[in-house]
């Protein structure tokens, strides 16, 4: 199982990514083990979606990374 996720920090910054282990990856973001998110937390999970293949997850991650903040907020509100 693969996951695409969006996390948000207290400043309203979003980070989009994919992983095979969602809980472990969120912990890595919050413990400073991820280069981009290090020192910018705490981070909270605001969106996730599962996929059966890595290919599908990567395609969705690429799509999410192209979205602007308004579109991301709309996506999060839909659940």
N, C-alpha and C. Protein backbone atom coordinates (compact mmCIF):
# COMPACT_ATOMS: atom_id res chain seq x y z
N UNK A 1 0.84 -1.17 0.00
CA UNK A 1 0.00 0.00 0.00
C UNK A 1 0.89 1.25 0.00
N UNK A 2 0.53 2.20 -0.81
CA UNK A 2 1.26 3.46 -0.91
C UNK A 2 0.32 4.61 -0.55
N UNK A 3 0.88 5.62 0.04
CA UNK A 3 0.10 6.77 0.51
C UNK A 3 0.62 8.06 -0.10
N UNK A 4 -0.31 8.92 -0.48
CA UNK A 4 0.00 10.30 -0.86
C UNK A 4 -0.58 11.13 0.27
N UNK A 5 0.18 12.13 0.71
CA UNK A 5 -0.26 12.88 1.87
C UNK A 5 0.08 14.36 1.75
N UNK A 6 -0.64 15.15 2.54
CA UNK A 6 -0.33 16.57 2.68
C UNK A 6 -0.23 16.85 4.17
N UNK A 7 0.84 17.52 4.57
CA UNK A 7 0.98 17.95 5.95
C UNK A 7 1.04 19.48 5.97
N UNK A 8 0.70 20.05 7.09
CA UNK A 8 0.67 21.51 7.22
C UNK A 8 1.32 21.89 8.54
N UNK A 9 2.06 23.00 8.53
CA UNK A 9 2.64 23.48 9.79
C UNK A 9 1.82 24.67 10.31
N UNK A 10 2.23 25.21 11.46
CA UNK A 10 1.46 26.29 12.09
C UNK A 10 1.47 27.57 11.26
N UNK A 11 2.42 27.72 10.37
CA UNK A 11 2.48 28.91 9.50
C UNK A 11 1.62 28.76 8.26
N UNK A 12 0.98 27.61 8.10
CA UNK A 12 0.13 27.39 6.93
C UNK A 12 0.87 26.89 5.71
N UNK A 13 2.11 26.43 5.89
CA UNK A 13 2.89 25.89 4.78
C UNK A 13 2.50 24.43 4.59
N UNK A 14 2.30 24.04 3.33
CA UNK A 14 1.95 22.66 3.00
C UNK A 14 3.16 21.94 2.43
N UNK A 15 3.23 20.65 2.74
CA UNK A 15 4.22 19.78 2.14
C UNK A 15 3.47 18.56 1.61
N UNK A 16 3.76 18.18 0.37
CA UNK A 16 3.11 17.05 -0.26
C UNK A 16 4.14 15.96 -0.52
N UNK A 17 3.74 14.71 -0.27
CA UNK A 17 4.68 13.63 -0.49
C UNK A 17 3.97 12.29 -0.63
N UNK A 18 4.77 11.22 -0.77
CA UNK A 18 4.22 9.87 -0.83
C UNK A 18 5.12 8.97 -0.01
N UNK A 19 4.56 7.87 0.46
CA UNK A 19 5.30 6.94 1.30
C UNK A 19 4.61 5.59 1.32
N UNK A 20 5.33 4.59 1.81
CA UNK A 20 4.74 3.27 2.04
C UNK A 20 4.28 3.14 3.49
N UNK A 21 4.82 3.95 4.38
CA UNK A 21 4.48 3.88 5.79
C UNK A 21 4.14 5.29 6.28
N UNK A 22 2.87 5.62 6.30
CA UNK A 22 2.42 6.98 6.58
C UNK A 22 2.79 7.43 7.98
N UNK A 23 2.51 6.62 8.97
CA UNK A 23 2.80 7.00 10.36
C UNK A 23 4.29 7.28 10.57
N UNK A 24 5.14 6.39 10.06
CA UNK A 24 6.58 6.56 10.19
C UNK A 24 7.04 7.85 9.49
N UNK A 25 6.49 8.12 8.32
CA UNK A 25 6.90 9.30 7.55
C UNK A 25 6.51 10.60 8.27
N UNK A 26 5.32 10.65 8.85
CA UNK A 26 4.90 11.84 9.59
C UNK A 26 5.82 12.05 10.79
N UNK A 27 6.17 10.96 11.47
CA UNK A 27 7.10 11.06 12.59
C UNK A 27 8.47 11.59 12.14
N UNK A 28 8.91 11.17 10.97
CA UNK A 28 10.19 11.67 10.43
C UNK A 28 10.13 13.17 10.18
N UNK A 29 9.02 13.64 9.65
CA UNK A 29 8.87 15.08 9.42
C UNK A 29 8.93 15.84 10.74
N UNK A 30 8.27 15.34 11.75
CA UNK A 30 8.20 16.03 13.03
C UNK A 30 9.46 15.90 13.89
N UNK A 31 10.30 14.93 13.58
CA UNK A 31 11.53 14.76 14.35
C UNK A 31 12.75 15.36 13.65
N UNK A 32 12.53 16.05 12.53
CA UNK A 32 13.62 16.73 11.84
C UNK A 32 14.43 15.84 10.92
N UNK A 33 13.95 14.66 10.59
CA UNK A 33 14.68 13.74 9.73
C UNK A 33 14.48 13.99 8.25
N UNK A 34 13.57 14.88 7.91
CA UNK A 34 13.32 15.22 6.51
C UNK A 34 13.94 16.58 6.22
N UNK A 35 14.77 16.66 5.23
CA UNK A 35 15.54 17.87 4.96
C UNK A 35 14.67 19.10 4.75
N UNK A 36 13.65 19.01 3.92
CA UNK A 36 12.84 20.19 3.61
C UNK A 36 12.01 20.65 4.80
N UNK A 37 11.45 19.73 5.56
CA UNK A 37 10.55 20.10 6.64
C UNK A 37 11.25 20.30 7.98
N UNK A 38 12.51 19.97 8.06
CA UNK A 38 13.25 20.09 9.30
C UNK A 38 13.27 21.54 9.80
N UNK A 39 12.93 21.71 11.06
CA UNK A 39 12.96 23.04 11.67
C UNK A 39 11.76 23.91 11.33
N UNK A 40 10.80 23.37 10.59
CA UNK A 40 9.64 24.15 10.19
C UNK A 40 8.35 23.63 10.83
N UNK A 41 8.46 22.65 11.71
CA UNK A 41 7.30 22.00 12.31
C UNK A 41 6.83 22.72 13.55
N UNK A 42 5.89 22.16 14.24
CA UNK A 42 5.36 20.81 14.05
C UNK A 42 4.43 20.72 12.84
N UNK A 43 4.35 19.52 12.32
CA UNK A 43 3.54 19.24 11.14
C UNK A 43 2.34 18.38 11.54
N UNK A 44 1.20 18.63 10.91
CA UNK A 44 0.03 17.78 11.14
C UNK A 44 -0.47 17.27 9.79
N UNK A 45 -0.92 16.06 9.81
CA UNK A 45 -1.47 15.43 8.62
C UNK A 45 -2.85 16.03 8.35
N UNK A 46 -3.04 16.59 7.15
CA UNK A 46 -4.33 17.19 6.81
C UNK A 46 -5.03 16.47 5.66
N UNK A 47 -4.31 15.58 4.96
CA UNK A 47 -4.91 14.84 3.84
C UNK A 47 -4.08 13.61 3.56
N UNK A 48 -4.74 12.51 3.28
CA UNK A 48 -4.03 11.31 2.83
C UNK A 48 -4.97 10.47 1.96
N UNK A 49 -4.36 9.75 1.06
CA UNK A 49 -5.11 8.88 0.16
C UNK A 49 -4.24 7.67 -0.15
N UNK A 50 -4.82 6.48 -0.13
CA UNK A 50 -4.04 5.27 -0.37
C UNK A 50 -4.18 4.80 -1.81
N UNK A 51 -3.13 4.10 -2.25
CA UNK A 51 -3.08 3.54 -3.60
C UNK A 51 -2.47 2.15 -3.53
N UNK A 52 -2.87 1.30 -4.45
CA UNK A 52 -2.34 -0.06 -4.45
C UNK A 52 -1.00 -0.16 -5.18
N UNK A 53 -0.69 0.82 -6.02
CA UNK A 53 0.59 0.75 -6.73
C UNK A 53 1.40 2.04 -6.53
N UNK A 54 2.70 1.86 -6.57
CA UNK A 54 3.61 3.00 -6.43
C UNK A 54 3.41 3.98 -7.59
N UNK A 55 3.19 3.46 -8.76
CA UNK A 55 3.01 4.30 -9.95
C UNK A 55 1.82 5.24 -9.78
N UNK A 56 0.69 4.70 -9.31
CA UNK A 56 -0.50 5.53 -9.10
C UNK A 56 -0.24 6.62 -8.06
N UNK A 57 0.46 6.24 -6.99
CA UNK A 57 0.76 7.20 -5.92
C UNK A 57 1.66 8.33 -6.43
N UNK A 58 2.66 7.99 -7.22
CA UNK A 58 3.57 9.00 -7.75
C UNK A 58 2.87 9.94 -8.73
N UNK A 59 1.96 9.42 -9.51
CA UNK A 59 1.18 10.26 -10.43
C UNK A 59 0.33 11.25 -9.63
N UNK A 60 -0.31 10.76 -8.57
CA UNK A 60 -1.13 11.63 -7.74
C UNK A 60 -0.28 12.65 -6.99
N UNK A 61 0.89 12.24 -6.50
CA UNK A 61 1.78 13.19 -5.82
C UNK A 61 2.18 14.31 -6.78
N UNK A 62 2.51 13.97 -7.99
CA UNK A 62 2.89 14.97 -8.99
C UNK A 62 1.73 15.95 -9.24
N UNK A 63 0.51 15.42 -9.30
CA UNK A 63 -0.67 16.27 -9.48
C UNK A 63 -0.85 17.22 -8.29
N UNK A 64 -0.69 16.70 -7.09
CA UNK A 64 -0.85 17.53 -5.89
C UNK A 64 0.18 18.64 -5.83
N UNK A 65 1.39 18.34 -6.24
CA UNK A 65 2.46 19.33 -6.18
C UNK A 65 2.23 20.50 -7.14
N UNK A 66 1.35 20.31 -8.12
CA UNK A 66 1.04 21.38 -9.06
C UNK A 66 -0.09 22.29 -8.57
N UNK A 67 -0.79 21.87 -7.53
CA UNK A 67 -1.94 22.65 -7.04
C UNK A 67 -1.49 23.90 -6.29
N UNK A 68 -2.29 24.96 -6.40
CA UNK A 68 -2.02 26.16 -5.62
C UNK A 68 -2.68 26.00 -4.25
N UNK A 69 -2.41 26.95 -3.34
CA UNK A 69 -2.90 26.85 -1.96
C UNK A 69 -4.42 26.79 -1.89
N UNK A 70 -5.10 27.55 -2.73
CA UNK A 70 -6.57 27.56 -2.73
C UNK A 70 -7.12 26.18 -3.11
N UNK A 71 -6.52 25.55 -4.11
CA UNK A 71 -6.95 24.22 -4.54
C UNK A 71 -6.66 23.17 -3.47
N UNK A 72 -5.54 23.33 -2.78
CA UNK A 72 -5.19 22.40 -1.71
C UNK A 72 -6.21 22.50 -0.58
N UNK A 73 -6.55 23.72 -0.19
CA UNK A 73 -7.54 23.92 0.87
C UNK A 73 -8.88 23.29 0.49
N UNK A 74 -9.28 23.44 -0.75
CA UNK A 74 -10.54 22.86 -1.24
C UNK A 74 -10.49 21.33 -1.16
N UNK A 75 -9.36 20.75 -1.54
CA UNK A 75 -9.16 19.31 -1.48
C UNK A 75 -9.25 18.81 -0.04
N UNK A 76 -8.60 19.51 0.88
CA UNK A 76 -8.60 19.14 2.29
C UNK A 76 -10.01 19.21 2.87
N UNK A 77 -10.75 20.24 2.51
CA UNK A 77 -12.11 20.39 3.01
C UNK A 77 -13.03 19.26 2.54
N UNK A 78 -12.79 18.77 1.33
CA UNK A 78 -13.59 17.66 0.80
C UNK A 78 -13.26 16.35 1.51
N UNK A 79 -12.04 16.28 2.07
CA UNK A 79 -11.66 15.07 2.80
C UNK A 79 -10.97 14.10 1.92
